[in-house]
N, C-alpha and C. Protein backbone atom coordinates (compact mmCIF):
# COMPACT_ATOMS: atom_id res chain seq x y z
N MET A 1 64.75 134.43 162.72
CA MET A 1 65.48 132.76 161.92
C MET A 1 66.76 132.84 162.88
N LYS A 2 66.38 132.04 163.81
CA LYS A 2 67.33 131.29 164.54
C LYS A 2 67.72 129.99 164.21
N LEU A 3 68.99 129.37 164.39
CA LEU A 3 69.53 128.25 164.14
C LEU A 3 69.38 127.35 165.38
N GLY A 4 69.04 126.06 165.15
CA GLY A 4 68.88 125.34 166.56
C GLY A 4 69.93 124.44 166.33
N ALA A 5 70.11 123.47 167.02
CA ALA A 5 71.16 122.52 167.32
C ALA A 5 71.13 121.68 166.09
N GLY A 6 70.00 120.98 165.85
CA GLY A 6 69.83 120.23 164.74
C GLY A 6 70.59 121.02 163.36
N GLU A 7 69.99 122.29 163.09
CA GLU A 7 70.45 122.82 161.80
C GLU A 7 72.09 122.96 161.93
N ILE A 8 72.58 123.19 163.16
CA ILE A 8 74.27 123.49 163.04
C ILE A 8 74.79 122.09 162.83
N ILE A 9 74.24 121.12 163.42
CA ILE A 9 75.03 119.95 163.13
C ILE A 9 75.08 119.40 161.82
N LEU A 10 73.55 119.63 161.09
CA LEU A 10 73.60 119.23 159.66
C LEU A 10 74.36 120.13 158.70
N ILE A 11 74.48 121.35 158.88
CA ILE A 11 75.52 122.21 158.18
C ILE A 11 76.93 121.97 158.53
N LEU A 12 77.27 121.56 159.95
CA LEU A 12 78.70 121.14 159.89
C LEU A 12 78.93 119.53 159.54
N ALA A 13 78.05 118.88 159.19
CA ALA A 13 78.21 117.48 158.70
C ALA A 13 78.25 117.90 157.01
N VAL A 14 77.70 118.89 156.43
CA VAL A 14 77.72 119.02 155.12
C VAL A 14 79.15 119.58 154.72
N VAL A 15 79.69 120.51 155.70
CA VAL A 15 80.94 121.05 155.41
C VAL A 15 81.78 119.87 155.47
N LEU A 16 81.99 119.35 156.35
CA LEU A 16 82.82 118.08 156.63
C LEU A 16 82.85 117.19 155.34
N LEU A 17 81.58 116.93 154.77
CA LEU A 17 81.59 115.97 153.62
C LEU A 17 82.18 116.83 152.55
N LEU A 18 81.83 117.98 152.42
CA LEU A 18 82.70 118.78 151.38
C LEU A 18 83.91 118.98 151.31
N PHE A 19 84.47 119.47 152.21
CA PHE A 19 85.93 119.82 152.33
C PHE A 19 86.93 118.57 152.87
N GLY A 20 86.43 117.81 153.75
CA GLY A 20 86.85 116.80 154.40
C GLY A 20 87.73 117.18 155.98
N GLY A 21 88.51 116.13 156.72
CA GLY A 21 88.73 116.74 157.73
C GLY A 21 90.00 117.39 157.97
N LYS A 22 90.74 117.19 156.85
CA LYS A 22 92.18 117.95 156.84
C LYS A 22 92.02 119.44 156.29
N LYS A 23 90.90 119.83 155.60
CA LYS A 23 90.84 121.34 154.99
C LYS A 23 90.42 121.90 156.11
N ILE A 24 89.45 121.35 156.87
CA ILE A 24 88.89 122.30 157.74
C ILE A 24 89.68 123.26 158.66
N PRO A 25 90.54 122.87 159.21
CA PRO A 25 91.47 123.90 160.14
C PRO A 25 92.26 124.93 159.06
N GLU A 26 92.65 124.53 157.85
CA GLU A 26 93.16 125.55 156.92
C GLU A 26 91.97 126.80 156.56
N LEU A 27 90.88 126.30 156.05
CA LEU A 27 89.97 127.31 156.21
C LEU A 27 89.35 128.02 157.50
N MET A 28 89.69 127.47 158.50
CA MET A 28 89.47 128.38 159.64
C MET A 28 90.41 129.37 160.15
N LYS A 29 91.49 128.91 159.64
CA LYS A 29 92.60 129.80 159.99
C LYS A 29 92.64 130.90 158.88
N GLY A 30 92.21 130.62 157.71
CA GLY A 30 92.11 131.85 156.62
C GLY A 30 90.82 132.59 156.90
N LEU A 31 89.83 132.00 157.26
CA LEU A 31 88.63 132.62 158.03
C LEU A 31 89.15 133.93 159.01
N GLY A 32 89.68 133.05 159.76
CA GLY A 32 90.30 134.23 160.96
C GLY A 32 91.21 135.41 160.78
N LYS A 33 91.96 135.07 159.71
CA LYS A 33 93.04 136.26 159.25
C LYS A 33 92.04 136.90 158.39
N GLY A 34 91.21 136.48 157.66
CA GLY A 34 90.30 137.75 156.87
C GLY A 34 89.65 138.62 157.99
N MET A 35 88.89 137.71 158.95
CA MET A 35 87.98 138.71 159.90
C MET A 35 89.04 139.66 160.63
N LYS A 36 90.29 139.43 160.94
CA LYS A 36 91.13 140.04 161.90
C LYS A 36 91.59 141.54 160.57
N GLU A 37 91.72 141.07 159.42
CA GLU A 37 92.01 142.00 158.53
C GLU A 37 90.93 143.04 158.36
N PHE A 38 89.62 142.64 158.21
CA PHE A 38 88.45 143.10 158.26
C PHE A 38 88.45 144.30 159.24
N LYS A 39 88.45 143.56 160.33
CA LYS A 39 88.40 144.42 161.79
C LYS A 39 89.48 145.61 161.71
N ASP A 40 90.51 145.46 161.40
CA ASP A 40 91.83 146.47 161.41
C ASP A 40 91.48 147.34 160.43
N ALA A 41 90.79 147.08 159.10
CA ALA A 41 90.39 148.00 158.16
C ALA A 41 89.62 148.92 158.50
N SER A 42 88.66 148.43 159.06
CA SER A 42 87.11 148.90 159.55
C SER A 42 87.84 150.10 160.73
N ARG A 43 88.57 149.63 161.32
CA ARG A 43 89.19 150.54 162.36
C ARG A 43 90.03 151.76 161.89
N GLY A 44 90.43 151.56 160.72
CA GLY A 44 91.47 152.27 160.35
C GLY A 44 92.97 151.97 160.41
N GLU A 45 93.21 150.98 160.98
CA GLU A 45 94.57 150.53 161.53
C GLU A 45 95.38 149.96 160.19
N ASP A 46 96.43 150.28 160.17
CA ASP A 46 97.36 149.64 159.07
C ASP A 46 98.34 148.85 159.58
N SER A 47 98.34 147.74 158.99
CA SER A 47 99.57 146.83 159.62
C SER A 47 100.63 146.88 159.07
N SER A 48 101.04 147.71 157.99
CA SER A 48 102.35 148.36 157.65
C SER A 48 103.12 149.16 158.20
N LYS A 49 102.32 149.70 159.43
CA LYS A 49 102.61 150.69 160.77
C LYS A 49 103.59 149.72 161.25
N GLU A 50 103.20 148.64 161.70
CA GLU A 50 103.90 147.77 162.70
C GLU A 50 105.15 147.51 161.97
N VAL A 51 105.02 147.05 160.75
CA VAL A 51 106.28 146.64 160.02
C VAL A 51 107.49 147.50 159.93
N LYS A 52 106.97 149.00 159.66
CA LYS A 52 107.83 150.03 159.81
C LYS A 52 108.26 150.31 160.86
N GLU A 53 107.68 150.11 161.95
CA GLU A 53 108.17 150.47 163.42
C GLU A 53 109.27 149.52 163.78
N ASP A 54 108.85 148.00 163.43
CA ASP A 54 109.77 147.09 163.95
C ASP A 54 111.24 147.14 163.29
N LYS A 55 111.27 147.83 161.98
CA LYS A 55 112.62 148.07 161.19
C LYS A 55 113.38 149.14 161.95
N ASN A 56 112.60 150.00 162.34
CA ASN A 56 113.42 151.03 163.17
C ASN A 56 114.42 150.87 164.35
């Protein structure tokens, strides 16, 4: 099940219609943060370590 260029363009057009041009950057930023947190959690890294180290 591969997506071709036509399917990708159709999906992008639907997303643009549903959310509008101004909301898409906000959605991508949130998606990126979520993916980073998921990666860090799967590695066992804790972002609170960085905060504790910065305070010392």
